[in-house]
Amino acid sequence: MPTDTKRVRGPELSQSPSVFQRRPPAAEILSLGKRADGRQPDQADIRPVFVRCGLVSQAKGSAYIEAGHTKLICCVYGPRETERKDETDMKSGRLTADMRFAPFSCPERGSWIQGSQDKDFSLMVLESLQPAVCLHKYPRSQIEVNVMVLENNGSVLAHAVTCASLALADAGIEMYDLVLGCSMRQDGDYFVVDPTYKEENSSGSVDNQGGLTVAFLPSLNQISGLQSDGEMTEETLAAGVRTCIEGCYKLYPVIQQALTKAVRKAAPPPPES
């Protein structure tokens, strides 16, 4: 067979350059039994959260969430008539989700470029939101959810799910329940909830190390999405799910208060007597 000289013949096996990057050891993350930001390990201790709805006037609904230095904004457009005319869209609506990173969002240059991670995150956000949205109420329609990560300081997927759910509620989309997200990272003998960027990229023991993200419907007490990576035992995974659910319940009052404030602000003033 003749050789194709127009192709660049690379090695058959290769490794990503990220494998050779130095990651801070786990010992640097914990100091005197506490995390770098003062939170306690092995507890459902989430970062203080700031939430605001209705910031983008051009969108049907929008939400902004800030957890520590992690900042995201989400816009919802629709429902609008769908371009696809298949039988499924005729009976119920269609939900789409797109999650992207701003060029200035990540500490490492180039990690924001659209790739497989963005597609995986978009799919995870979509799968987490679909069980909560009443799509049968919107036949022949399409609802678009766009999430933009403004600053990535850890746990972006969990906060993206929460932000998108809040934006859907702000847009007036009928839902069975809100969807809240929470992440945790297991590193050997200890775990951290709502990890920061350094904690997500720390290197610890080889065994029992991984991450977990849970999407939870608090009023219905149901899990709508679960994403895990790394190696964790069955007991560790089950305990991690329970811990993430506890973190979602701690976040629930903050989301309720932000949504109630947005509804009161948008409500018409009472008639004058």
Protein backbone atom coordinates (compact mmCIF):
# COMPACT_ATOMS: atom_id res chain seq x y z
CA MET A 1 0.00 0.00 0.00
CA PRO A 2 1.51 3.38 -0.93
CA THR A 3 2.25 5.81 1.90
CA ASP A 4 0.10 8.92 2.17
CA THR A 5 2.71 11.68 2.26
CA LYS A 6 0.15 14.42 2.75
CA ARG A 7 -0.71 13.30 6.29
CA VAL A 8 1.35 14.03 9.37
CA ARG A 9 2.14 10.62 10.78
CA GLY A 10 2.09 10.93 14.55
CA PRO A 11 2.74 8.28 17.18
CA GLU A 12 0.14 5.58 17.61
CA LEU A 13 0.00 6.17 21.37
CA SER A 14 0.09 9.58 23.03
CA GLN A 15 -0.69 11.21 26.36
CA SER A 16 -2.30 14.52 27.16
CA PRO A 17 0.12 17.24 28.36
CA SER A 18 -2.10 17.71 31.42
CA VAL A 19 -0.78 14.38 32.75
CA PHE A 20 2.64 15.94 33.29
CA GLN A 21 1.37 19.10 34.98
CA ARG A 22 2.25 19.46 38.63
CA ARG A 23 -0.79 19.32 40.87
CA PRO A 24 -0.64 20.51 44.47
CA PRO A 25 -0.57 17.60 46.91
CA ALA A 26 -3.57 17.05 49.13
CA ALA A 27 -1.52 18.07 52.17
CA GLU A 28 -1.33 21.63 50.83
CA ILE A 29 -5.13 21.84 50.58
CA LEU A 30 -5.74 21.07 54.26
CA SER A 31 -4.11 23.16 56.98
CA LEU A 32 -4.64 22.38 60.68
CA GLY A 33 -7.68 20.26 59.85
CA LYS A 34 -9.35 23.01 57.82
CA ARG A 35 -9.61 23.81 54.14
CA ALA A 36 -7.89 26.83 52.62
CA ASP A 37 -11.06 28.95 52.85
CA GLY A 38 -11.77 27.90 56.45
CA ARG A 39 -14.47 25.32 55.75
CA GLN A 40 -14.46 21.98 57.49
CA PRO A 41 -13.64 18.78 55.57
CA ASP A 42 -15.86 15.70 55.77
CA GLN A 43 -18.95 17.92 56.19
CA ALA A 44 -21.63 19.29 53.84
CA ASP A 45 -20.04 22.73 54.08
CA ILE A 46 -20.83 24.73 50.93
CA ARG A 47 -19.52 28.17 50.02
CA PRO A 48 -21.64 31.29 50.58
CA VAL A 49 -23.88 31.77 47.54
CA PHE A 50 -25.14 34.96 45.92
CA VAL A 51 -28.06 34.58 43.50
CA ARG A 52 -29.96 37.09 41.39
CA CYS A 53 -32.67 36.66 38.74
CA GLY A 54 -33.75 38.71 35.74
CA LEU A 55 -30.45 40.43 34.91
CA VAL A 56 -30.65 39.93 31.11
CA SER A 57 -33.62 41.82 29.72
CA GLN A 58 -33.31 40.31 26.21
CA ALA A 59 -33.86 36.78 27.51
CA LYS A 60 -37.17 35.28 28.60
CA GLY A 61 -35.52 34.35 31.89
CA SER A 62 -32.04 34.69 33.36
CA ALA A 63 -30.14 33.96 36.53
CA TYR A 64 -26.72 34.76 37.97
CA ILE A 65 -25.02 32.70 40.66
CA GLU A 66 -21.81 33.33 42.54
CA ALA A 67 -20.33 30.73 44.89
CA GLY A 68 -17.01 31.88 46.24
CA HIS A 69 -15.09 32.91 43.13
CA THR A 70 -17.14 30.67 40.83
CA LYS A 71 -19.44 32.86 38.73
CA LEU A 72 -22.02 31.74 36.16
CA ILE A 73 -24.87 33.33 34.25
CA CYS A 74 -27.70 31.55 32.44
CA CYS A 75 -30.23 32.78 29.88
CA VAL A 76 -33.40 30.98 28.77
CA TYR A 77 -35.08 31.65 25.42
CA GLY A 78 -38.47 30.36 24.40
CA PRO A 79 -40.71 28.56 24.22
CA ARG A 80 -40.54 29.17 20.50
CA GLU A 81 -41.69 27.12 17.52
CA THR A 82 -39.28 24.29 16.89
CA GLU A 83 -37.59 23.85 13.53
CA ARG A 84 -37.82 20.08 13.75
CA LYS A 85 -41.18 18.59 12.81
CA ASP A 86 -40.83 15.02 14.03
CA GLU A 87 -43.55 13.21 15.94
CA THR A 88 -41.88 13.62 19.35
CA ASP A 89 -41.77 17.42 19.12
CA MET A 90 -45.43 17.52 18.05
CA LYS A 91 -46.56 15.84 21.29
CA SER A 92 -44.21 17.55 23.75
CA GLY A 93 -41.68 20.33 23.78
CA ARG A 94 -37.95 20.05 23.22
CA LEU A 95 -35.33 21.24 25.70
CA THR A 96 -31.78 22.13 24.66
CA ALA A 97 -28.83 23.10 26.85
CA ASP A 98 -25.48 24.62 25.96
CA MET A 99 -22.75 25.27 28.53
CA ARG A 100 -19.61 27.19 27.59
CA PHE A 101 -16.60 28.72 29.30
CA ALA A 102 -15.62 32.35 28.77
CA PRO A 103 -12.04 32.84 27.49
CA PHE A 104 -11.06 34.50 30.77
CA SER A 105 -12.84 32.02 33.05
CA CYS A 106 -10.16 29.39 33.69
CA PRO A 107 -6.83 29.82 35.51
CA GLU A 108 -5.06 27.76 32.84
CA ARG A 109 -4.89 29.33 29.42
CA GLY A 110 -6.51 27.27 26.70
CA SER A 111 -8.63 25.09 28.97
CA TRP A 112 -11.73 27.09 28.01
CA ILE A 113 -11.61 26.04 24.34
CA GLN A 114 -14.79 24.24 23.25
CA GLY A 115 -14.12 20.54 23.54
CA SER A 116 -15.44 17.27 24.84
CA GLN A 117 -15.70 18.60 28.41
CA ASP A 118 -18.09 21.37 27.37
CA LYS A 119 -20.22 18.87 25.47
CA ASP A 120 -20.28 16.51 28.44
CA PHE A 121 -21.27 19.34 30.77
CA SER A 122 -24.02 20.47 28.38
CA LEU A 123 -25.39 16.94 28.21
CA MET A 124 -25.28 16.60 32.01
CA VAL A 125 -27.16 19.91 32.46
CA LEU A 126 -29.77 18.81 29.92
CA GLU A 127 -30.29 15.38 31.51
CA SER A 128 -30.59 16.97 34.96
CA LEU A 129 -33.21 19.51 33.89
CA GLN A 130 -35.42 17.34 31.67
CA PRO A 131 -37.17 15.41 34.49
CA ALA A 132 -38.17 18.68 36.16
CA VAL A 133 -39.62 20.53 33.15
CA CYS A 134 -43.23 19.95 32.08
CA LEU A 135 -42.39 19.56 28.38
CA HIS A 136 -45.85 18.13 27.62
CA LYS A 137 -47.20 21.63 28.28
CA TYR A 138 -45.23 23.01 25.30
CA PRO A 139 -45.99 20.92 22.18
CA ARG A 140 -44.28 21.97 18.94
CA SER A 141 -42.02 24.26 20.97
CA GLN A 142 -38.37 24.48 21.88
CA ILE A 143 -36.81 25.89 25.06
CA GLU A 144 -33.15 26.91 24.92
CA VAL A 145 -30.90 27.07 27.98
CA ASN A 146 -27.52 28.78 27.62
CA VAL A 147 -25.03 28.73 30.49
CA MET A 148 -21.84 30.82 30.46
CA VAL A 149 -19.08 30.25 33.02
CA LEU A 150 -17.59 33.66 33.83
CA GLU A 151 -15.06 32.40 36.38
CA ASN A 152 -14.18 28.80 37.13
CA ASN A 153 -13.12 28.24 40.71
CA GLY A 154 -14.49 24.73 41.08
CA SER A 155 -17.86 22.94 41.09
CA VAL A 156 -19.00 24.63 37.88
CA LEU A 157 -21.23 21.74 36.78
CA ALA A 158 -23.23 21.67 40.02
CA HIS A 159 -23.73 25.44 40.06
CA ALA A 160 -24.59 25.41 36.35
CA VAL A 161 -27.49 23.03 37.05
CA THR A 162 -28.75 25.27 39.86
CA CYS A 163 -28.37 28.44 37.77
CA ALA A 164 -30.17 26.91 34.77
CA SER A 165 -33.04 25.71 36.94
CA LEU A 166 -33.41 29.16 38.44
CA ALA A 167 -33.40 30.78 34.99
CA LEU A 168 -36.14 28.40 33.82
CA ALA A 169 -38.26 29.34 36.82
CA ASP A 170 -37.60 33.04 36.15
CA ALA A 171 -38.78 32.53 32.55
CA GLY A 172 -42.11 31.18 33.79
CA ILE A 173 -41.52 27.67 32.43
CA GLU A 174 -43.78 25.17 34.19
CA MET A 175 -41.69 22.79 36.30
CA TYR A 176 -42.38 19.99 38.76
CA ASP A 177 -39.62 21.23 41.05
CA LEU A 178 -36.40 23.20 41.09
CA VAL A 179 -33.17 21.34 40.37
CA LEU A 180 -30.21 21.95 42.67
CA GLY A 181 -26.67 20.73 42.15
CA CYS A 182 -23.91 19.86 44.62
CA SER A 183 -20.42 18.41 44.13
CA MET A 184 -17.96 16.59 46.35
CA ARG A 185 -14.45 15.24 45.95
CA GLN A 186 -13.09 12.18 47.70
CA ASP A 187 -9.34 12.05 48.26
CA GLY A 188 -8.25 9.07 50.30
CA ASP A 189 -9.51 9.28 53.87
CA TYR A 190 -11.33 12.60 53.61
CA PHE A 191 -13.79 14.36 51.28
CA VAL A 192 -14.63 17.97 50.54
CA VAL A 193 -18.02 19.35 49.48
CA ASP A 194 -18.32 22.13 46.89
CA PRO A 195 -14.59 21.86 46.06
CA THR A 196 -12.59 24.78 44.72
CA TYR A 197 -10.47 24.62 41.58
CA LYS A 198 -7.33 23.74 43.55
CA GLU A 199 -9.14 21.06 45.50
CA GLU A 200 -10.50 19.52 42.29
CA ASN A 201 -7.01 19.38 40.79
CA SER A 202 -5.10 18.25 43.88
CA SER A 203 -3.25 14.94 43.87
CA GLY A 204 -3.58 12.59 46.78
CA SER A 205 -3.61 8.87 47.38
CA VAL A 206 -4.08 6.62 44.37
CA ASP A 207 -6.87 4.58 45.95
CA ASN A 208 -10.37 5.90 46.62
CA GLN A 209 -10.02 9.16 44.77
CA GLY A 210 -12.68 10.75 42.58
CA GLY A 211 -15.40 13.34 42.17
CA LEU A 212 -19.19 13.28 42.29
CA THR A 213 -21.90 15.70 41.17
CA VAL A 214 -25.56 15.22 42.06
CA ALA A 215 -28.61 17.01 40.64
CA PHE A 216 -31.48 16.88 43.12
CA LEU A 217 -35.16 17.83 43.23
CA PRO A 218 -35.65 18.86 46.88
CA SER A 219 -39.44 19.00 47.07
CA LEU A 220 -39.88 15.64 45.34
CA ASN A 221 -36.83 14.14 47.06
CA GLN A 222 -35.57 12.66 43.78
CA ILE A 223 -32.21 12.60 42.01
CA SER A 224 -32.44 13.76 38.40
CA GLY A 225 -28.75 13.51 37.48
CA LEU A 226 -25.54 11.95 38.73
CA GLN A 227 -22.03 12.24 37.33
CA SER A 228 -18.93 10.65 38.84
CA ASP A 229 -15.31 10.15 37.86
CA GLY A 230 -12.29 8.48 39.40
CA GLU A 231 -12.24 5.38 41.58
CA MET A 232 -14.54 5.17 44.59
CA THR A 233 -15.89 2.22 46.52
CA GLU A 234 -19.61 1.48 46.66
CA GLU A 235 -19.80 2.65 50.28
CA THR A 236 -17.97 5.88 49.47
CA LEU A 237 -20.22 6.58 46.49
CA ALA A 238 -23.39 6.04 48.53
CA ALA A 239 -22.10 8.25 51.35
CA GLY A 240 -21.11 10.91 48.80
CA VAL A 241 -24.61 10.97 47.31
CA ARG A 242 -26.14 11.45 50.77
CA THR A 243 -23.66 14.25 51.52
CA CYS A 244 -24.44 16.04 48.24
CA ILE A 245 -28.17 15.80 48.97
CA GLU A 246 -27.54 17.40 52.35
CA GLY A 247 -25.65 20.21 50.60
CA CYS A 248 -28.59 20.73 48.22
CA TYR A 249 -30.98 21.12 51.15
CA LYS A 250 -28.67 23.79 52.61
CA LEU A 251 -28.75 25.63 49.29
CA TYR A 252 -32.53 25.37 48.86
CA PRO A 253 -33.59 28.32 51.11
CA VAL A 254 -31.20 30.68 49.31
CA ILE A 255 -32.64 29.75 45.91
CA GLN A 256 -36.21 30.05 47.19
CA GLN A 257 -35.52 33.50 48.60
CA ALA A 258 -33.95 34.74 45.35
CA LEU A 259 -36.84 33.42 43.28
CA THR A 260 -39.46 34.91 45.63
CA LYS A 261 -37.71 38.27 45.47
CA ALA A 262 -37.71 38.18 41.66
CA VAL A 263 -41.42 37.32 41.53
CA ARG A 264 -42.33 40.16 43.89
CA LYS A 265 -40.25 42.59 41.85
CA ALA A 266 -41.95 41.56 38.59
CA ALA A 267 -45.46 41.57 40.07
CA PRO A 268 -47.64 44.59 39.13
CA PRO A 269 -48.25 47.13 41.89
CA PRO A 270 -51.53 46.85 43.79
CA PRO A 271 -54.36 49.07 42.52
CA GLU A 272 -54.86 52.35 44.30
CA SER A 273 -57.96 52.57 46.44
